[in-house]
Amino acid sequence: MINFFSKYKFIFYITNMLVIFLYLFPGSLIGYFLYNDFETHPQLTPDLIISTNHFYMFFVITILGYFTFLNSIYINRLILYLLFLSLTLELLHIAIPNRGFQFSDLFGNLFGVMTVVIINFINKKYENFKK
């Protein structure tokens, strides 16, 4: 499975462009398709301290990025890119109509990226410990 993503990098790139489009769209495009209303945002699970929708989105895109660039020298650049992307997209909500900046969304974005980074770090330490 890992070789599949590294062989077909376009999956990560298309997913990345889709995330950027959904974040920059003024209103909720998914809410429009599900509820016929641009103002309604679908909620997968209730929010806790962070926005769970944002956490899930950045968790998935970070996993796709890791599988795509796992054996690459660009993995550190990927982490920085995803952290920068999560911060920038949420800050752009200040200027986009029908969207609003929220710290819970920002922390959901960052926590989604950092969760995968921490899991990968622990996994590498465990593999080194086994050897």
C-alpha atoms as a PDB file:
ATOM      1  CA  MET A   1       0.000   0.000   0.000  1.00  0.00           C
ATOM      2  CA  ILE A   2       2.824   2.384   0.822  1.00  0.00           C
ATOM      3  CA  ASN A   3       4.397   1.807  -2.587  1.00  0.00           C
ATOM      4  CA  PHE A   4       1.037   2.600  -4.158  1.00  0.00           C
ATOM      5  CA  PHE A   5       1.037   6.163  -2.810  1.00  0.00           C
ATOM      6  CA  SER A   6       4.704   6.808  -3.553  1.00  0.00           C
ATOM      7  CA  LYS A   7       4.155   5.548  -7.089  1.00  0.00           C
ATOM      8  CA  TYR A   8       1.000   7.603  -7.633  1.00  0.00           C
ATOM      9  CA  LYS A   9       1.861  10.958  -6.066  1.00  0.00           C
ATOM     10  CA  PHE A  10      -0.980  12.622  -7.919  1.00  0.00           C
ATOM     11  CA  ILE A  11      -3.382  11.227  -5.292  1.00  0.00           C
ATOM     12  CA  PHE A  12      -1.729  13.382  -2.624  1.00  0.00           C
ATOM     13  CA  TYR A  13      -1.570  16.396  -4.919  1.00  0.00           C
ATOM     14  CA  ILE A  14      -5.234  16.149  -5.945  1.00  0.00           C
ATOM     15  CA  THR A  15      -6.299  15.695  -2.312  1.00  0.00           C
ATOM     16  CA  ASN A  16      -4.169  18.680  -1.375  1.00  0.00           C
ATOM     17  CA  MET A  17      -5.776  20.862  -4.043  1.00  0.00           C
ATOM     18  CA  LEU A  18      -9.239  19.688  -2.957  1.00  0.00           C
ATOM     19  CA  VAL A  19      -8.520  20.666   0.667  1.00  0.00           C
ATOM     20  CA  ILE A  20      -7.266  24.089  -0.417  1.00  0.00           C
ATOM     21  CA  PHE A  21     -10.352  24.600  -2.611  1.00  0.00           C
ATOM     22  CA  LEU A  22     -12.745  23.589   0.176  1.00  0.00           C
ATOM     23  CA  TYR A  23     -11.006  25.893   2.660  1.00  0.00           C
ATOM     24  CA  LEU A  24     -10.997  28.900   0.336  1.00  0.00           C
ATOM     25  CA  PHE A  25     -14.556  28.470  -0.956  1.00  0.00           C
ATOM     26  CA  PRO A  26     -16.849  31.165   0.521  1.00  0.00           C
ATOM     27  CA  GLY A  27     -19.325  28.995   2.366  1.00  0.00           C
ATOM     28  CA  SER A  28     -19.681  25.275   2.792  1.00  0.00           C
ATOM     29  CA  LEU A  29     -19.655  23.461  -0.516  1.00  0.00           C
ATOM     30  CA  ILE A  30     -20.183  20.122   1.227  1.00  0.00           C
ATOM     31  CA  GLY A  31     -23.061  21.666   3.196  1.00  0.00           C
ATOM     32  CA  TYR A  32     -24.621  22.762  -0.075  1.00  0.00           C
ATOM     33  CA  PHE A  33     -24.472  19.237  -1.522  1.00  0.00           C
ATOM     34  CA  LEU A  34     -25.808  17.617   1.660  1.00  0.00           C
ATOM     35  CA  TYR A  35     -28.295  20.221   2.950  1.00  0.00           C
ATOM     36  CA  ASN A  36     -28.773  22.560  -0.037  1.00  0.00           C
ATOM     37  CA  ASP A  37     -27.409  25.383   2.138  1.00  0.00           C
ATOM     38  CA  PHE A  38     -24.037  27.125   1.876  1.00  0.00           C
ATOM     39  CA  GLU A  39     -24.252  28.261   5.517  1.00  0.00           C
ATOM     40  CA  THR A  40     -24.597  24.803   7.086  1.00  0.00           C
ATOM     41  CA  HIS A  41     -21.371  22.960   7.803  1.00  0.00           C
ATOM     42  CA  PRO A  42     -21.687  19.195   8.253  1.00  0.00           C
ATOM     43  CA  GLN A  43     -20.364  17.949  11.588  1.00  0.00           C
ATOM     44  CA  LEU A  44     -18.916  14.414  11.667  1.00  0.00           C
ATOM     45  CA  THR A  45     -18.483  14.271  15.446  1.00  0.00           C
ATOM     46  CA  PRO A  46     -19.064  16.818  18.202  1.00  0.00           C
ATOM     47  CA  ASP A  47     -16.243  19.294  18.784  1.00  0.00           C
ATOM     48  CA  LEU A  48     -14.244  18.978  21.951  1.00  0.00           C
ATOM     49  CA  ILE A  49     -11.509  21.538  22.568  1.00  0.00           C
ATOM     50  CA  ILE A  50     -10.535  21.426  18.898  1.00  0.00           C
ATOM     51  CA  SER A  51     -12.599  21.223  15.726  1.00  0.00           C
ATOM     52  CA  THR A  52     -12.871  17.534  14.911  1.00  0.00           C
ATOM     53  CA  ASN A  53     -13.674  18.108  11.233  1.00  0.00           C
ATOM     54  CA  HIS A  54     -10.459  20.075  10.796  1.00  0.00           C
ATOM     55  CA  PHE A  55      -8.530  17.464  12.766  1.00  0.00           C
ATOM     56  CA  TYR A  56      -9.819  14.645  10.559  1.00  0.00           C
ATOM     57  CA  MET A  57      -9.054  16.527   7.349  1.00  0.00           C
ATOM     58  CA  PHE A  58      -5.463  17.339   8.249  1.00  0.00           C
ATOM     59  CA  PHE A  59      -4.908  13.925   9.833  1.00  0.00           C
ATOM     60  CA  VAL A  60      -5.900  12.235   6.557  1.00  0.00           C
ATOM     61  CA  ILE A  61      -3.907  14.569   4.314  1.00  0.00           C
ATOM     62  CA  THR A  62      -0.844  14.155   6.542  1.00  0.00           C
ATOM     63  CA  ILE A  63      -1.127  10.360   6.400  1.00  0.00           C
ATOM     64  CA  LEU A  64      -1.416  10.553   2.601  1.00  0.00           C
ATOM     65  CA  GLY A  65       1.646  12.794   2.540  1.00  0.00           C
ATOM     66  CA  TYR A  66       3.615  10.413   4.740  1.00  0.00           C
ATOM     67  CA  PHE A  67       2.743   7.421   2.583  1.00  0.00           C
ATOM     68  CA  THR A  68       3.604   9.399  -0.544  1.00  0.00           C
ATOM     69  CA  PHE A  69       6.986  10.693   0.665  1.00  0.00           C
ATOM     70  CA  LEU A  70       7.909   7.987   3.194  1.00  0.00           C
ATOM     71  CA  ASN A  71      11.232   6.973   1.655  1.00  0.00           C
ATOM     72  CA  SER A  72      12.013  10.442   0.398  1.00  0.00           C
ATOM     73  CA  ILE A  73      14.373  13.125   1.625  1.00  0.00           C
ATOM     74  CA  TYR A  74      11.460  15.569   1.493  1.00  0.00           C
ATOM     75  CA  ILE A  75       9.575  14.275   4.556  1.00  0.00           C
ATOM     76  CA  ASN A  76      10.719  17.209   6.733  1.00  0.00           C
ATOM     77  CA  ARG A  77       9.643  19.661   4.042  1.00  0.00           C
ATOM     78  CA  LEU A  78       6.271  17.926   3.927  1.00  0.00           C
ATOM     79  CA  ILE A  79       5.791  18.442   7.661  1.00  0.00           C
ATOM     80  CA  LEU A  80       6.708  22.129   7.408  1.00  0.00           C
ATOM     81  CA  TYR A  81       4.473  22.545   4.373  1.00  0.00           C
ATOM     82  CA  LEU A  82       1.467  20.981   6.104  1.00  0.00           C
ATOM     83  CA  LEU A  83       1.994  23.066   9.252  1.00  0.00           C
ATOM     84  CA  PHE A  84       2.288  26.211   7.118  1.00  0.00           C
ATOM     85  CA  LEU A  85      -0.769  25.201   5.077  1.00  0.00           C
ATOM     86  CA  SER A  86      -2.895  24.570   8.164  1.00  0.00           C
ATOM     87  CA  LEU A  87      -1.964  27.965   9.624  1.00  0.00           C
ATOM     88  CA  THR A  88      -2.325  29.900   6.369  1.00  0.00           C
ATOM     89  CA  LEU A  89      -5.665  28.436   5.350  1.00  0.00           C
ATOM     90  CA  GLU A  90      -7.205  29.186   8.718  1.00  0.00           C
ATOM     91  CA  LEU A  91      -5.833  32.746   8.735  1.00  0.00           C
ATOM     92  CA  LEU A  92      -7.309  33.311   5.270  1.00  0.00           C
ATOM     93  CA  HIS A  93     -10.756  32.674   6.775  1.00  0.00           C
ATOM     94  CA  ILE A  94     -10.530  36.179   8.193  1.00  0.00           C
ATOM     95  CA  ALA A  95     -10.859  37.625   4.683  1.00  0.00           C
ATOM     96  CA  ILE A  96     -13.157  35.058   3.020  1.00  0.00           C
ATOM     97  CA  PRO A  97     -16.894  35.872   3.055  1.00  0.00           C
ATOM     98  CA  ASN A  98     -19.118  33.475   5.029  1.00  0.00           C
ATOM     99  CA  ARG A  99     -16.051  31.988   6.725  1.00  0.00           C
ATOM    100  CA  GLY A 100     -14.571  32.889  10.074  1.00  0.00           C
ATOM    101  CA  PHE A 101     -11.298  32.393  11.881  1.00  0.00           C
ATOM    102  CA  GLN A 102     -11.571  30.227  14.979  1.00  0.00           C
ATOM    103  CA  PHE A 103      -8.805  29.071  17.261  1.00  0.00           C
ATOM    104  CA  SER A 104     -10.489  25.679  17.663  1.00  0.00           C
ATOM    105  CA  ASP A 105     -10.248  25.174  13.888  1.00  0.00           C
ATOM    106  CA  LEU A 106      -6.603  26.257  13.856  1.00  0.00           C
ATOM    107  CA  PHE A 107      -5.723  23.911  16.714  1.00  0.00           C
ATOM    108  CA  GLY A 108      -7.648  21.110  14.994  1.00  0.00           C
ATOM    109  CA  ASN A 109      -5.551  21.633  11.862  1.00  0.00           C
ATOM    110  CA  LEU A 110      -2.263  21.716  13.765  1.00  0.00           C
ATOM    111  CA  PHE A 111      -3.190  18.803  16.023  1.00  0.00           C
ATOM    112  CA  GLY A 112      -4.127  16.683  12.990  1.00  0.00           C
ATOM    113  CA  VAL A 113      -0.669  17.199  11.492  1.00  0.00           C
ATOM    114  CA  MET A 114       1.199  16.804  14.776  1.00  0.00           C
ATOM    115  CA  THR A 115      -0.634  13.588  15.721  1.00  0.00           C
ATOM    116  CA  VAL A 116       0.686  11.831  12.618  1.00  0.00           C
ATOM    117  CA  VAL A 117       4.175  13.273  13.193  1.00  0.00           C
ATOM    118  CA  ILE A 118       4.210  12.017  16.795  1.00  0.00           C
ATOM    119  CA  ILE A 119       2.901   8.572  15.809  1.00  0.00           C
ATOM    120  CA  ASN A 120       5.598   8.330  13.130  1.00  0.00           C
ATOM    121  CA  PHE A 121       8.278   9.432  15.617  1.00  0.00           C
ATOM    122  CA  ILE A 122       7.186   6.805  18.171  1.00  0.00           C
ATOM    123  CA  ASN A 123       7.041   4.145  15.456  1.00  0.00           C
ATOM    124  CA  LYS A 124      10.607   4.923  14.334  1.00  0.00           C
ATOM    125  CA  LYS A 125      11.868   4.825  17.928  1.00  0.00           C
ATOM    126  CA  TYR A 126      10.162   1.459  18.441  1.00  0.00           C
ATOM    127  CA  GLU A 127      11.695   0.056  15.239  1.00  0.00           C
ATOM    128  CA  ASN A 128      15.157   1.242  16.331  1.00  0.00           C
ATOM    129  CA  PHE A 129      14.606  -0.273  19.767  1.00  0.00           C
ATOM    130  CA  LYS A 130      13.695  -3.652  18.252  1.00  0.00           C
ATOM    131  CA  LYS A 131      16.949  -3.706  16.275  1.00  0.00           C
END
